[in-house]
PDB file of N, CA and C in Angstrom:
ATOM      1  N   UNK A   1     -82.015  64.061 -16.691  1.00  0.00           N
ATOM      2  CA  UNK A   1     -81.926  63.452 -17.900  1.00  0.00           C
ATOM      3  C   UNK A   1     -81.169  61.690 -17.217  1.00  0.00           C
ATOM      4  N   UNK A   2     -82.822  61.742 -17.114  1.00  0.00           N
ATOM      5  CA  UNK A   2     -82.798  60.347 -17.513  1.00  0.00           C
ATOM      6  C   UNK A   2     -82.290  59.339 -18.826  1.00  0.00           C
ATOM      7  N   UNK A   3     -82.154  58.204 -18.197  1.00  0.00           N
ATOM      8  CA  UNK A   3     -81.414  57.202 -18.781  1.00  0.00           C
ATOM      9  C   UNK A   3     -83.204  56.182 -19.378  1.00  0.00           C
ATOM     10  N   UNK A   4     -83.277  55.313 -20.723  1.00  0.00           N
ATOM     11  CA  UNK A   4     -84.734  55.209 -20.803  1.00  0.00           C
ATOM     12  C   UNK A   4     -83.505  53.502 -21.834  1.00  0.00           C
ATOM     13  N   UNK A   5     -82.878  53.291 -21.548  1.00  0.00           N
ATOM     14  CA  UNK A   5     -81.977  52.073 -22.642  1.00  0.00           C
ATOM     15  C   UNK A   5     -80.021  52.200 -22.139  1.00  0.00           C
ATOM     16  N   UNK A   6     -79.964  50.322 -22.236  1.00  0.00           N
ATOM     17  CA  UNK A   6     -79.038  50.796 -21.999  1.00  0.00           C
ATOM     18  C   UNK A   6     -78.349  49.751 -22.909  1.00  0.00           C
ATOM     19  N   UNK A   7     -77.367  49.679 -22.650  1.00  0.00           N
ATOM     20  CA  UNK A   7     -76.617  49.127 -25.099  1.00  0.00           C
ATOM     21  C   UNK A   7     -75.282  48.578 -23.818  1.00  0.00           C
ATOM     22  N   UNK A   8     -75.184  47.340 -24.287  1.00  0.00           N
ATOM     23  CA  UNK A   8     -74.027  46.288 -23.857  1.00  0.00           C
ATOM     24  C   UNK A   8     -73.746  45.083 -24.956  1.00  0.00           C
ATOM     25  N   UNK A   9     -73.057  44.354 -24.223  1.00  0.00           N
ATOM     26  CA  UNK A   9     -72.478  43.329 -25.314  1.00  0.00           C
ATOM     27  C   UNK A   9     -73.392  42.836 -25.092  1.00  0.00           C
ATOM     28  N   UNK A  10     -74.374  42.188 -25.733  1.00  0.00           N
ATOM     29  CA  UNK A  10     -74.730  40.466 -26.204  1.00  0.00           C
ATOM     30  C   UNK A  10     -74.489  39.177 -24.173  1.00  0.00           C
ATOM     31  N   UNK A  11     -73.210  39.707 -24.533  1.00  0.00           N
ATOM     32  CA  UNK A  11     -72.973  38.543 -23.842  1.00  0.00           C
ATOM     33  C   UNK A  11     -72.695  38.772 -22.050  1.00  0.00           C
ATOM     34  N   UNK A  12     -72.914  40.168 -21.855  1.00  0.00           N
ATOM     35  CA  UNK A  12     -73.528  40.508 -20.610  1.00  0.00           C
ATOM     36  C   UNK A  12     -74.527  40.832 -20.828  1.00  0.00           C
ATOM     37  N   UNK A  13     -75.374  40.351 -21.610  1.00  0.00           N
ATOM     38  CA  UNK A  13     -76.899  41.566 -20.863  1.00  0.00           C
ATOM     39  C   UNK A  13     -77.912  40.908 -19.952  1.00  0.00           C
ATOM     40  N   UNK A  14     -77.199  39.232 -19.961  1.00  0.00           N
ATOM     41  CA  UNK A  14     -78.016  38.285 -19.068  1.00  0.00           C
ATOM     42  C   UNK A  14     -77.597  38.571 -17.184  1.00  0.00           C
ATOM     43  N   UNK A  15     -76.444  39.324 -17.470  1.00  0.00           N
ATOM     44  CA  UNK A  15     -75.848  39.601 -15.685  1.00  0.00           C
ATOM     45  C   UNK A  15     -76.819  40.546 -15.524  1.00  0.00           C
ATOM     46  N   UNK A  16     -76.612  41.928 -15.836  1.00  0.00           N
ATOM     47  CA  UNK A  16     -77.179  42.860 -15.161  1.00  0.00           C
ATOM     48  C   UNK A  16     -78.462  43.032 -15.048  1.00  0.00           C
ATOM     49  N   UNK A  17     -77.889  43.462 -14.132  1.00  0.00           N
ATOM     50  CA  UNK A  17     -79.658  43.583 -13.131  1.00  0.00           C
ATOM     51  C   UNK A  17     -80.274  45.097 -12.894  1.00  0.00           C
ATOM     52  N   UNK A  18     -80.600  45.094 -13.596  1.00  0.00           N
ATOM     53  CA  UNK A  18     -81.949  46.638 -13.772  1.00  0.00           C
ATOM     54  C   UNK A  18     -82.115  46.661 -13.975  1.00  0.00           C
ATOM     55  N   UNK A  19     -83.070  48.534 -13.025  1.00  0.00           N
ATOM     56  CA  UNK A  19     -83.946  48.364 -13.011  1.00  0.00           C
ATOM     57  C   UNK A  19     -85.485  48.084 -14.219  1.00  0.00           C
ATOM     58  N   UNK A  20     -86.618  47.886 -14.080  1.00  0.00           N
ATOM     59  CA  UNK A  20     -87.281  47.605 -15.109  1.00  0.00           C
ATOM     60  C   UNK A  20     -88.084  48.725 -16.129  1.00  0.00           C
ATOM     61  N   UNK A  21     -88.024  50.081 -15.468  1.00  0.00           N
ATOM     62  CA  UNK A  21     -87.931  50.650 -16.274  1.00  0.00           C
ATOM     63  C   UNK A  21     -86.775  50.843 -17.616  1.00  0.00           C
ATOM     64  N   UNK A  22     -86.178  50.630 -17.467  1.00  0.00           N
ATOM     65  CA  UNK A  22     -85.116  50.002 -18.438  1.00  0.00           C
ATOM     66  C   UNK A  22     -84.829  49.179 -19.485  1.00  0.00           C
ATOM     67  N   UNK A  23     -84.151  49.805 -21.023  1.00  0.00           N
ATOM     68  CA  UNK A  23     -84.403  48.871 -22.055  1.00  0.00           C
ATOM     69  C   UNK A  23     -82.803  48.904 -21.803  1.00  0.00           C
ATOM     70  N   UNK A  24     -83.166  46.976 -22.082  1.00  0.00           N
ATOM     71  CA  UNK A  24     -81.740  46.552 -21.868  1.00  0.00           C
ATOM     72  C   UNK A  24     -81.613  46.316 -23.688  1.00  0.00           C
ATOM     73  N   UNK A  25     -80.763  46.306 -23.732  1.00  0.00           N
ATOM     74  CA  UNK A  25     -79.816  46.256 -24.822  1.00  0.00           C
ATOM     75  C   UNK A  25     -78.822  44.775 -25.146  1.00  0.00           C
ATOM     76  N   UNK A  26     -78.410  44.015 -25.701  1.00  0.00           N
ATOM     77  CA  UNK A  26     -76.993  43.662 -25.898  1.00  0.00           C
ATOM     78  C   UNK A  26     -77.170  43.951 -27.348  1.00  0.00           C
ATOM     79  N   UNK A  27     -76.123  44.166 -28.280  1.00  0.00           N
ATOM     80  CA  UNK A  27     -75.465  44.177 -29.028  1.00  0.00           C
ATOM     81  C   UNK A  27     -74.375  43.006 -29.849  1.00  0.00           C
ATOM     82  N   UNK A  28     -74.244  43.638 -30.638  1.00  0.00           N
ATOM     83  CA  UNK A  28     -72.852  42.250 -31.092  1.00  0.00           C
ATOM     84  C   UNK A  28     -71.746  42.974 -31.558  1.00  0.00           C
ATOM     85  N   UNK A  29     -71.603  44.007 -32.241  1.00  0.00           N
ATOM     86  CA  UNK A  29     -70.948  44.733 -32.241  1.00  0.00           C
ATOM     87  C   UNK A  29     -70.554  46.799 -32.287  1.00  0.00           C
ATOM     88  N   UNK A  30     -69.764  47.122 -32.250  1.00  0.00           N
ATOM     89  CA  UNK A  30     -69.959  48.385 -32.131  1.00  0.00           C
ATOM     90  C   UNK A  30     -70.671  49.427 -32.754  1.00  0.00           C
ATOM     91  N   UNK A  31     -71.189  48.657 -33.993  1.00  0.00           N
ATOM     92  CA  UNK A  31     -71.834  48.914 -35.488  1.00  0.00           C
ATOM     93  C   UNK A  31     -72.888  48.922 -35.153  1.00  0.00           C
ATOM     94  N   UNK A  32     -73.299  48.004 -34.202  1.00  0.00           N
ATOM     95  CA  UNK A  32     -74.887  47.835 -34.139  1.00  0.00           C
ATOM     96  C   UNK A  32     -75.271  48.613 -33.156  1.00  0.00           C
ATOM     97  N   UNK A  33     -74.282  49.067 -32.144  1.00  0.00           N
ATOM     98  CA  UNK A  33     -74.522  50.037 -31.147  1.00  0.00           C
ATOM     99  C   UNK A  33     -75.024  51.485 -31.315  1.00  0.00           C
ATOM    100  N   UNK A  34     -74.254  51.642 -32.261  1.00  0.00           N
ATOM    101  CA  UNK A  34     -74.272  52.963 -33.207  1.00  0.00           C
ATOM    102  C   UNK A  34     -74.985  53.053 -34.351  1.00  0.00           C
ATOM    103  N   UNK A  35     -75.439  51.994 -35.095  1.00  0.00           N
ATOM    104  CA  UNK A  35     -77.322  51.714 -35.519  1.00  0.00           C
ATOM    105  C   UNK A  35     -77.547  52.235 -34.898  1.00  0.00           C
ATOM    106  N   UNK A  36     -78.374  52.016 -33.340  1.00  0.00           N
ATOM    107  CA  UNK A  36     -79.124  52.137 -32.853  1.00  0.00           C
ATOM    108  C   UNK A  36     -79.688  53.477 -32.354  1.00  0.00           C
ATOM    109  N   UNK A  37     -78.160  54.107 -31.953  1.00  0.00           N
ATOM    110  CA  UNK A  37     -77.861  55.779 -31.130  1.00  0.00           C
ATOM    111  C   UNK A  37     -77.962  56.415 -31.945  1.00  0.00           C
ATOM    112  N   UNK A  38     -77.592  56.275 -33.093  1.00  0.00           N
ATOM    113  CA  UNK A  38     -78.535  57.240 -34.426  1.00  0.00           C
ATOM    114  C   UNK A  38     -79.403  56.499 -34.681  1.00  0.00           C
ATOM    115  N   UNK A  39     -79.851  55.771 -34.499  1.00  0.00           N
ATOM    116  CA  UNK A  39     -81.614  55.754 -35.421  1.00  0.00           C
ATOM    117  C   UNK A  39     -82.474  56.555 -34.222  1.00  0.00           C
ATOM    118  N   UNK A  40     -82.464  57.121 -32.964  1.00  0.00           N
ATOM    119  CA  UNK A  40     -82.925  57.220 -32.478  1.00  0.00           C
ATOM    120  C   UNK A  40     -83.918  59.753 -32.818  1.00  0.00           C
TER     121      UNK A  40
END
């Protein structure tokens, strides 16, 4: 099982050094994060 996305607080998004294959998504609320998870 490999991860394709990383969901984290918007304020921390720029400080993450993620692999190029990983999509980094910044969110402002738990609700926004849940919408992303459920929409897939």
